[in-house]
Amino acid sequence: MPYIAVIGLQVLCIVHLMRTGRNPLWLTALIFLPVVSALAYLVVEVLPGMGSNRHVRTARAKAIDAIDPERELRAALDALELADTAANRLRVADALAALGRHGEAVPLYRESIAMTPGEPDVRTQGKLALSLFETGHAAETLTLLDAIPAPMGQSERDRQALLRARALDHVGRKAEALDLYADIVTRMPGEEARCRYAALLIEQGWERKALGVLEEVEGRMKRLSRHQRAADAGMYRWAGEALAGLREKGIQ
């Protein structure tokens, strides 16, 4: 965003803040984080009348997360302090996992499952499995995935299969991981499964096959806007570099 436009947007937001008497905490954010906070202010404070629009609601939530990423965690902890329930422990665990704090999430997922009467919830067990994997416990992840029933929906089953493939790869069961990846890439949206599949193919010496997978990623990437690619910029960067490396080696 051009410098003059940033200043102009910042000034407009500050003027609006002063005239309408919004939360004065915005002023500090607008001064020290002009771009992010100005966009957040526009979505959160200037466009409240459009709250019924799904896209505006999504943008508003993202703006709030950008300016205050621990907002949901604080709310979840407050709810847990008021009522120590399985649902509130689960909410705190979800908030921690969303922040990448999986080590703190694991015991809360376990406690939520233990406190829930009847059969444990499959989705909660799946979340526990993911946090276990993210904390380096791939073998325990596989044990848990083997023990829980398959989710009802296909998309949930595929996400669970992706986690299983990652865990199999991590513990050295490469052939099983490749078979799983080959299956789920035919259905899963997004490119994570394809990129992980291609990386394992390259590692195992299947470079020509990896080239085909990465060319699919490249073709889809070209149809995305810069904004759409931003969320997975690291993954697309890796895919581009890996594809260039294979082509330089004459793989075709």
Foldseek 3Di string as FASTA:
>chain_A
DDPVVLVVLLVVLVVVCVVVVPDPVLNVCCVPVRPLSSQLCCLQPVPVVCCVDPVSVVSNVVSCCVVPVCPQLVVLVVVCVVPVALVSLQSNLVSCVVVVNLVVSLVSLVVSQVRDPDHGDLVSLLVNLVSCVSVPNLVVSLVSLVPGDQDDDPQSNLVSLLSNLVSCVVVPVLVVSLVSLVVSVVPDPDCPSLLVNLVSCVVVPVNLVSLVSLVVVVVVVVVDDPVVCVVVVVSNVVSVVSNVVSVVVVRD
